[in-house]
Amino acid sequence: MPGKIKQTDLHIDMPQKSRYLLIYFIALISAPSLSTAQGERIDIGRFSHSDLSGWEEKSFLNHSHYNLIQANGATVLKAQTSAAASGLYRKVEIDLNKTPFINWSWKIDNIYQGNNERSKEGDDYPARLYVVISSGLFFWQTKSINYVWSNNQAVGSSWDNAYTNHAKMVAIHSGSKKTGLWLTEKRNVHKDFKQLFGEEISKVHIIAIMSDSDNAKQSATAYYGDIYFSAE
């Protein structure tokens, strides 16, 4: 299997998870990033090709398990989490003026019960996709959008992450109504950053996915299809 996932562990106080994740992304952005040729489509996650090249794992508490599986005749990335917090990330350099749309597909088997996602104790999601940008080497110059499958927030709603206003959460789906279904998504990242942060953002530096359950102390299973940027 191309691109075996590299694992990195960081054991920290879990209420600081989101802040530490952004700080860790700063260190990544300052390192050499993946060079991506600009065109109409830029592949980030080629899971359907059994390809994990360029993806690495960051663990904060135990490991959510990520592995490629066959499902309905296609290869997808399966994520299983149980009282754990770890995600996969890939360094990129995407010109949003040329390819502003991020595309992906996903499915979940279940949601969490009873967690308040707007609180520090409830910051867990069965599936989420991070888009991270940086305009410098300091924490306050790094921002991210988390596209999430919410447990209970209204579809289309957005809010500050419970730990930092440098991360905005966007509920793409919510609740259990569509569990078990493969859903295809498209978001205009350039437009979303403008709307959520009031800034014109031209480049993306990191894409990450995470299924975490360290706060909820519950279990979830999710599946991710290919991820790519496109001009339309």
C-alpha atoms as a PDB file:
ATOM      1  CA  MET A   1       0.000   0.000   0.000  1.00  0.00           C
ATOM      2  CA  PRO A   2       1.652   3.254  -1.151  1.00  0.00           C
ATOM      3  CA  GLY A   3       2.374   5.864   1.469  1.00  0.00           C
ATOM      4  CA  LYS A   4       2.161   4.040   4.790  1.00  0.00           C
ATOM      5  CA  ILE A   5       0.870   6.458   7.404  1.00  0.00           C
ATOM      6  CA  LYS A   6       3.521   7.919   9.688  1.00  0.00           C
ATOM      7  CA  GLN A   7       2.349   8.197  13.296  1.00  0.00           C
ATOM      8  CA  THR A   8       3.212  10.934  15.763  1.00  0.00           C
ATOM      9  CA  ASP A   9       2.035  10.876  19.380  1.00  0.00           C
ATOM     10  CA  LEU A  10       1.395  13.874  21.609  1.00  0.00           C
ATOM     11  CA  HIS A  11      -0.077  13.241  25.054  1.00  0.00           C
ATOM     12  CA  ILE A  12      -1.586  16.458  26.350  1.00  0.00           C
ATOM     13  CA  ASP A  13      -4.400  17.726  28.522  1.00  0.00           C
ATOM     14  CA  MET A  14      -7.374  16.967  26.299  1.00  0.00           C
ATOM     15  CA  PRO A  15      -9.261  20.218  26.932  1.00  0.00           C
ATOM     16  CA  GLN A  16      -6.419  21.890  25.017  1.00  0.00           C
ATOM     17  CA  LYS A  17      -6.726  19.578  21.984  1.00  0.00           C
ATOM     18  CA  SER A  18      -7.943  22.112  19.433  1.00  0.00           C
ATOM     19  CA  ARG A  19      -5.414  24.770  20.445  1.00  0.00           C
ATOM     20  CA  TYR A  20      -2.536  22.312  20.274  1.00  0.00           C
ATOM     21  CA  LEU A  21      -3.720  21.047  16.921  1.00  0.00           C
ATOM     22  CA  LEU A  22      -3.484  24.529  15.424  1.00  0.00           C
ATOM     23  CA  ILE A  23      -0.077  25.104  17.024  1.00  0.00           C
ATOM     24  CA  TYR A  24       1.118  21.811  15.556  1.00  0.00           C
ATOM     25  CA  PHE A  25      -0.129  22.894  12.134  1.00  0.00           C
ATOM     26  CA  ILE A  26       2.015  26.034  12.403  1.00  0.00           C
ATOM     27  CA  ALA A  27       5.136  23.875  12.711  1.00  0.00           C
ATOM     28  CA  LEU A  28       4.078  21.914   9.666  1.00  0.00           C
ATOM     29  CA  ILE A  29       3.422  25.002   7.593  1.00  0.00           C
ATOM     30  CA  SER A  30       6.896  26.350   8.355  1.00  0.00           C
ATOM     31  CA  ALA A  31       8.356  23.124   6.946  1.00  0.00           C
ATOM     32  CA  PRO A  32       8.606  22.420   3.194  1.00  0.00           C
ATOM     33  CA  SER A  33       5.102  21.713   1.883  1.00  0.00           C
ATOM     34  CA  LEU A  34       3.831  19.414  -0.810  1.00  0.00           C
ATOM     35  CA  SER A  35       4.076  21.100  -4.175  1.00  0.00           C
ATOM     36  CA  THR A  36       0.880  20.756  -6.171  1.00  0.00           C
ATOM     37  CA  ALA A  37       0.598  21.705  -9.807  1.00  0.00           C
ATOM     38  CA  GLN A  38      -2.348  24.009 -10.338  1.00  0.00           C
ATOM     39  CA  GLY A  39      -5.054  22.942 -12.741  1.00  0.00           C
ATOM     40  CA  GLU A  40      -8.737  22.201 -12.869  1.00  0.00           C
ATOM     41  CA  ARG A  41      -8.430  19.356 -10.346  1.00  0.00           C
ATOM     42  CA  ILE A  42      -5.886  18.761  -7.589  1.00  0.00           C
ATOM     43  CA  ASP A  43      -6.053  15.387  -5.870  1.00  0.00           C
ATOM     44  CA  ILE A  44      -5.408  15.448  -2.117  1.00  0.00           C
ATOM     45  CA  GLY A  45      -6.764  12.096  -0.952  1.00  0.00           C
ATOM     46  CA  ARG A  46      -6.564   9.331  -3.565  1.00  0.00           C
ATOM     47  CA  PHE A  47      -8.075   6.654  -1.368  1.00  0.00           C
ATOM     48  CA  SER A  48      -9.870   4.991  -4.283  1.00  0.00           C
ATOM     49  CA  HIS A  49      -6.402   4.249  -5.715  1.00  0.00           C
ATOM     50  CA  SER A  50      -5.276   2.641  -2.427  1.00  0.00           C
ATOM     51  CA  ASP A  51      -2.885   5.561  -2.109  1.00  0.00           C
ATOM     52  CA  LEU A  52      -2.036   7.169   1.245  1.00  0.00           C
ATOM     53  CA  SER A  53       1.089   8.910   0.004  1.00  0.00           C
ATOM     54  CA  GLY A  54       1.766  12.154   1.841  1.00  0.00           C
ATOM     55  CA  TRP A  55      -0.644  11.498   4.706  1.00  0.00           C
ATOM     56  CA  GLU A  56       0.585  11.367   8.293  1.00  0.00           C
ATOM     57  CA  GLU A  57      -1.168  10.709  11.583  1.00  0.00           C
ATOM     58  CA  LYS A  58      -1.197  13.010  14.594  1.00  0.00           C
ATOM     59  CA  SER A  59      -2.362  11.423  17.845  1.00  0.00           C
ATOM     60  CA  PHE A  60      -3.408  13.371  20.943  1.00  0.00           C
ATOM     61  CA  LEU A  61      -4.864  10.561  23.032  1.00  0.00           C
ATOM     62  CA  ASN A  62      -4.685   6.947  21.870  1.00  0.00           C
ATOM     63  CA  HIS A  63      -5.358   6.327  18.189  1.00  0.00           C
ATOM     64  CA  SER A  64      -8.422   6.514  16.060  1.00  0.00           C
ATOM     65  CA  HIS A  65      -7.816   3.716  13.568  1.00  0.00           C
ATOM     66  CA  TYR A  66      -7.559   4.628   9.890  1.00  0.00           C
ATOM     67  CA  ASN A  67      -7.233   2.001   7.174  1.00  0.00           C
ATOM     68  CA  LEU A  68      -8.171   1.450   3.556  1.00  0.00           C
ATOM     69  CA  ILE A  69     -10.977  -1.017   2.916  1.00  0.00           C
ATOM     70  CA  GLN A  70     -13.165  -2.222   0.074  1.00  0.00           C
ATOM     71  CA  ALA A  71     -16.769  -1.004   0.186  1.00  0.00           C
ATOM     72  CA  ASN A  72     -19.310  -1.470  -2.609  1.00  0.00           C
ATOM     73  CA  GLY A  73     -16.553  -2.206  -5.094  1.00  0.00           C
ATOM     74  CA  ALA A  74     -14.435   0.851  -4.240  1.00  0.00           C
ATOM     75  CA  THR A  75     -11.515   1.557  -1.919  1.00  0.00           C
ATOM     76  CA  VAL A  76     -12.293   4.049   0.859  1.00  0.00           C
ATOM     77  CA  LEU A  77     -10.690   5.177   4.093  1.00  0.00           C
ATOM     78  CA  LYS A  78     -12.350   3.763   7.212  1.00  0.00           C
ATOM     79  CA  ALA A  79     -12.029   5.548  10.567  1.00  0.00           C
ATOM     80  CA  GLN A  80     -12.881   3.950  13.897  1.00  0.00           C
ATOM     81  CA  THR A  81     -12.620   5.875  17.138  1.00  0.00           C
ATOM     82  CA  SER A  82     -13.302   4.943  20.751  1.00  0.00           C
ATOM     83  CA  ALA A  83     -12.322   7.418  23.490  1.00  0.00           C
ATOM     84  CA  ALA A  84      -9.456   8.522  21.229  1.00  0.00           C
ATOM     85  CA  ALA A  85      -8.259  11.608  19.375  1.00  0.00           C
ATOM     86  CA  SER A  86      -6.057  11.341  16.327  1.00  0.00           C
ATOM     87  CA  GLY A  87      -6.289  12.559  12.764  1.00  0.00           C
ATOM     88  CA  LEU A  88      -4.605  12.357   9.400  1.00  0.00           C
ATOM     89  CA  TYR A  89      -3.133  15.416   7.712  1.00  0.00           C
ATOM     90  CA  ARG A  90      -1.423  16.285   4.458  1.00  0.00           C
ATOM     91  CA  LYS A  91       0.669  19.337   3.674  1.00  0.00           C
ATOM     92  CA  VAL A  92      -0.424  21.058   0.477  1.00  0.00           C
ATOM     93  CA  GLU A  93      -0.225  24.354  -1.346  1.00  0.00           C
ATOM     94  CA  ILE A  94      -3.498  25.173  -3.033  1.00  0.00           C
ATOM     95  CA  ASP A  95      -4.164  28.415  -4.913  1.00  0.00           C
ATOM     96  CA  LEU A  96      -7.777  29.249  -4.094  1.00  0.00           C
ATOM     97  CA  ASN A  97      -7.903  31.800  -6.878  1.00  0.00           C
ATOM     98  CA  LYS A  98      -7.585  28.897  -9.332  1.00  0.00           C
ATOM     99  CA  THR A  99      -9.189  25.982  -7.493  1.00  0.00           C
ATOM    100  CA  PRO A 100     -11.461  27.309  -4.720  1.00  0.00           C
ATOM    101  CA  PHE A 101     -13.725  24.266  -4.338  1.00  0.00           C
ATOM    102  CA  ILE A 102     -12.970  21.334  -2.061  1.00  0.00           C
ATOM    103  CA  ASN A 103     -14.770  18.095  -2.914  1.00  0.00           C
ATOM    104  CA  TRP A 104     -15.132  14.961  -0.826  1.00  0.00           C
ATOM    105  CA  SER A 105     -17.493  12.150   0.087  1.00  0.00           C
ATOM    106  CA  TRP A 106     -18.170  10.521   3.440  1.00  0.00           C
ATOM    107  CA  LYS A 107     -20.429   8.247   5.413  1.00  0.00           C
ATOM    108  CA  ILE A 108     -20.938   7.631   9.125  1.00  0.00           C
ATOM    109  CA  ASP A 109     -22.456   4.688  10.952  1.00  0.00           C
ATOM    110  CA  ASN A 110     -23.508   6.586  14.072  1.00  0.00           C
ATOM    111  CA  ILE A 111     -23.408   9.885  15.942  1.00  0.00           C
ATOM    112  CA  TYR A 112     -22.644  10.717  19.574  1.00  0.00           C
ATOM    113  CA  GLN A 113     -25.385  11.154  22.132  1.00  0.00           C
ATOM    114  CA  GLY A 114     -25.690  14.031  24.567  1.00  0.00           C
ATOM    115  CA  ASN A 115     -22.567  16.069  23.787  1.00  0.00           C
ATOM    116  CA  ASN A 116     -22.715  19.851  23.492  1.00  0.00           C
ATOM    117  CA  GLU A 117     -20.429  20.617  20.560  1.00  0.00           C
ATOM    118  CA  ARG A 118     -20.173  24.273  21.501  1.00  0.00           C
ATOM    119  CA  SER A 119     -18.598  23.369  24.834  1.00  0.00           C
ATOM    120  CA  LYS A 120     -15.059  22.206  25.556  1.00  0.00           C
ATOM    121  CA  GLU A 121     -16.407  18.938  26.920  1.00  0.00           C
ATOM    122  CA  GLY A 122     -18.339  18.194  23.723  1.00  0.00           C
ATOM    123  CA  ASP A 123     -15.801  18.991  20.993  1.00  0.00           C
ATOM    124  CA  ASP A 124     -16.042  15.583  19.251  1.00  0.00           C
ATOM    125  CA  TYR A 125     -17.391  14.587  15.853  1.00  0.00           C
ATOM    126  CA  PRO A 126     -17.758  11.250  14.082  1.00  0.00           C
ATOM    127  CA  ALA A 127     -16.303  12.890  10.973  1.00  0.00           C
ATOM    128  CA  ARG A 128     -14.655  16.204  10.175  1.00  0.00           C
ATOM    129  CA  LEU A 129     -12.533  17.746   7.440  1.00  0.00           C
ATOM    130  CA  TYR A 130     -10.070  20.542   8.270  1.00  0.00           C
ATOM    131  CA  VAL A 131      -8.880  23.217   5.844  1.00  0.00           C
ATOM    132  CA  VAL A 132      -5.956  25.151   7.361  1.00  0.00           C
ATOM    133  CA  ILE A 133      -4.289  28.377   6.245  1.00  0.00           C
ATOM    134  CA  SER A 134      -1.488  30.503   7.665  1.00  0.00           C
ATOM    135  CA  SER A 135      -0.333  34.049   7.034  1.00  0.00           C
ATOM    136  CA  GLY A 136       2.641  33.741   9.367  1.00  0.00           C
ATOM    137  CA  LEU A 137       4.396  31.652  12.000  1.00  0.00           C
ATOM    138  CA  PHE A 138       2.325  32.644  15.016  1.00  0.00           C
ATOM    139  CA  PHE A 139      -0.781  31.009  16.463  1.00  0.00           C
ATOM    140  CA  TRP A 140      -3.018  33.989  15.767  1.00  0.00           C
ATOM    141  CA  GLN A 141      -1.955  33.957  12.116  1.00  0.00           C
ATOM    142  CA  THR A 142      -3.224  30.415  11.568  1.00  0.00           C
ATOM    143  CA  LYS A 143      -6.897  29.759  10.906  1.00  0.00           C
ATOM    144  CA  SER A 144      -8.980  26.743   9.996  1.00  0.00           C
ATOM    145  CA  ILE A 145     -12.437  25.738   8.894  1.00  0.00           C
ATOM    146  CA  ASN A 146     -13.798  22.445  10.203  1.00  0.00           C
ATOM    147  CA  TYR A 147     -16.491  20.959   7.990  1.00  0.00           C
ATOM    148  CA  VAL A 148     -18.209  18.552  10.374  1.00  0.00           C
ATOM    149  CA  TRP A 149     -20.879  15.922  10.561  1.00  0.00           C
ATOM    150  CA  SER A 150     -22.538  17.383  13.628  1.00  0.00           C
ATOM    151  CA  ASN A 151     -24.300  15.360  16.264  1.00  0.00           C
ATOM    152  CA  ASN A 152     -26.934  17.973  17.028  1.00  0.00           C
ATOM    153  CA  GLN A 153     -26.261  21.418  15.517  1.00  0.00           C
ATOM    154  CA  ALA A 154     -28.446  22.745  12.706  1.00  0.00           C
ATOM    155  CA  VAL A 155     -27.347  21.964   9.158  1.00  0.00           C
ATOM    156  CA  GLY A 156     -25.646  25.027   7.664  1.00  0.00           C
ATOM    157  CA  SER A 157     -24.899  26.610  11.038  1.00  0.00           C
ATOM    158  CA  SER A 158     -21.410  27.811  11.964  1.00  0.00           C
ATOM    159  CA  TRP A 159     -19.769  28.665  15.277  1.00  0.00           C
ATOM    160  CA  ASP A 160     -16.411  29.281  16.923  1.00  0.00           C
ATOM    161  CA  ASN A 161     -14.568  26.213  18.110  1.00  0.00           C
ATOM    162  CA  ALA A 162     -14.988  25.867  21.878  1.00  0.00           C
ATOM    163  CA  TYR A 163     -11.276  26.466  22.477  1.00  0.00           C
ATOM    164  CA  THR A 164     -10.296  29.062  19.891  1.00  0.00           C
ATOM    165  CA  ASN A 165     -11.914  31.560  17.557  1.00  0.00           C
ATOM    166  CA  HIS A 166      -9.152  30.756  15.069  1.00  0.00           C
ATOM    167  CA  ALA A 167     -11.148  27.655  14.112  1.00  0.00           C
ATOM    168  CA  LYS A 168     -14.679  27.871  12.739  1.00  0.00           C
ATOM    169  CA  MET A 169     -17.039  24.912  12.694  1.00  0.00           C
ATOM    170  CA  VAL A 170     -19.538  24.378   9.869  1.00  0.00           C
ATOM    171  CA  ALA A 171     -22.264  21.737  10.149  1.00  0.00           C
ATOM    172  CA  ILE A 172     -22.542  20.040   6.768  1.00  0.00           C
ATOM    173  CA  HIS A 173     -24.877  17.359   8.116  1.00  0.00           C
ATOM    174  CA  SER A 174     -26.426  16.786  11.506  1.00  0.00           C
ATOM    175  CA  GLY A 175     -27.963  13.950  13.438  1.00  0.00           C
ATOM    176  CA  SER A 176     -28.621  10.353  12.488  1.00  0.00           C
ATOM    177  CA  LYS A 177     -31.122  10.821   9.649  1.00  0.00           C
ATOM    178  CA  LYS A 178     -28.530  10.198   6.921  1.00  0.00           C
ATOM    179  CA  THR A 179     -26.274   7.732   8.715  1.00  0.00           C
ATOM    180  CA  GLY A 180     -25.347   4.789   6.530  1.00  0.00           C
ATOM    181  CA  LEU A 181     -25.547   6.855   3.339  1.00  0.00           C
ATOM    182  CA  TRP A 182     -22.635   7.943   1.159  1.00  0.00           C
ATOM    183  CA  LEU A 183     -22.889  11.691   0.612  1.00  0.00           C
ATOM    184  CA  THR A 184     -20.876  13.849  -1.775  1.00  0.00           C
ATOM    185  CA  GLU A 185     -19.910  17.372  -0.731  1.00  0.00           C
ATOM    186  CA  LYS A 186     -18.544  20.520  -2.387  1.00  0.00           C
ATOM    187  CA  ARG A 187     -17.621  23.767  -0.640  1.00  0.00           C
ATOM    188  CA  ASN A 188     -16.192  27.021  -1.934  1.00  0.00           C
ATOM    189  CA  VAL A 189     -13.296  27.412   0.521  1.00  0.00           C
ATOM    190  CA  HIS A 190     -12.388  30.880  -0.701  1.00  0.00           C
ATOM    191  CA  LYS A 191     -15.955  32.075  -0.115  1.00  0.00           C
ATOM    192  CA  ASP A 192     -16.233  30.319   3.256  1.00  0.00           C
ATOM    193  CA  PHE A 193     -13.063  31.940   4.628  1.00  0.00           C
ATOM    194  CA  LYS A 194     -14.327  35.329   3.489  1.00  0.00           C
ATOM    195  CA  GLN A 195     -17.694  34.783   5.146  1.00  0.00           C
ATOM    196  CA  LEU A 196     -16.426  33.236   8.389  1.00  0.00           C
ATOM    197  CA  PHE A 197     -13.265  35.301   8.987  1.00  0.00           C
ATOM    198  CA  GLY A 198     -13.890  38.398   6.878  1.00  0.00           C
ATOM    199  CA  GLU A 199     -10.594  37.879   5.053  1.00  0.00           C
ATOM    200  CA  GLU A 200      -9.505  37.251   1.481  1.00  0.00           C
ATOM    201  CA  ILE A 201      -7.533  34.007   1.626  1.00  0.00           C
ATOM    202  CA  SER A 202      -5.537  32.949  -1.415  1.00  0.00           C
ATOM    203  CA  LYS A 203      -3.804  29.746  -0.311  1.00  0.00           C
ATOM    204  CA  VAL A 204      -4.494  26.605   1.699  1.00  0.00           C
ATOM    205  CA  HIS A 205      -1.600  24.870   3.464  1.00  0.00           C
ATOM    206  CA  ILE A 206      -2.947  21.746   5.192  1.00  0.00           C
ATOM    207  CA  ILE A 207      -5.874  19.389   4.770  1.00  0.00           C
ATOM    208  CA  ALA A 208      -6.756  17.096   7.670  1.00  0.00           C
ATOM    209  CA  ILE A 209      -9.456  14.610   8.572  1.00  0.00           C
ATOM    210  CA  MET A 210     -10.349  13.434  12.041  1.00  0.00           C
ATOM    211  CA  SER A 211     -12.860  11.177  13.755  1.00  0.00           C
ATOM    212  CA  ASP A 212     -12.418  11.810  17.479  1.00  0.00           C
ATOM    213  CA  SER A 213     -14.180  10.728  20.659  1.00  0.00           C
ATOM    214  CA  ASP A 214     -11.864  11.635  23.542  1.00  0.00           C
ATOM    215  CA  ASN A 215     -14.363  13.977  25.190  1.00  0.00           C
ATOM    216  CA  ALA A 216     -17.570  12.065  24.479  1.00  0.00           C
ATOM    217  CA  LYS A 217     -15.981   8.770  25.588  1.00  0.00           C
ATOM    218  CA  GLN A 218     -18.133   7.057  22.973  1.00  0.00           C
ATOM    219  CA  SER A 219     -17.387   5.191  19.740  1.00  0.00           C
ATOM    220  CA  ALA A 220     -18.012   6.009  16.099  1.00  0.00           C
ATOM    221  CA  THR A 221     -17.216   4.652  12.653  1.00  0.00           C
ATOM    222  CA  ALA A 222     -16.850   6.852   9.582  1.00  0.00           C
ATOM    223  CA  TYR A 223     -15.698   6.471   5.990  1.00  0.00           C
ATOM    224  CA  TYR A 224     -13.988   8.998   3.727  1.00  0.00           C
ATOM    225  CA  GLY A 225     -13.867   9.003  -0.055  1.00  0.00           C
ATOM    226  CA  ASP A 226     -11.463  10.873  -2.318  1.00  0.00           C
ATOM    227  CA  ILE A 227     -10.652  14.517  -1.537  1.00  0.00           C
ATOM    228  CA  TYR A 228      -9.736  17.031  -4.230  1.00  0.00           C
ATOM    229  CA  PHE A 229      -9.835  20.719  -5.152  1.00  0.00           C
ATOM    230  CA  SER A 230     -11.438  21.926  -8.357  1.00  0.00           C
ATOM    231  CA  ALA A 231     -11.971  25.094 -10.354  1.00  0.00           C
ATOM    232  CA  GLU A 232     -15.742  24.591 -10.407  1.00  0.00           C
END
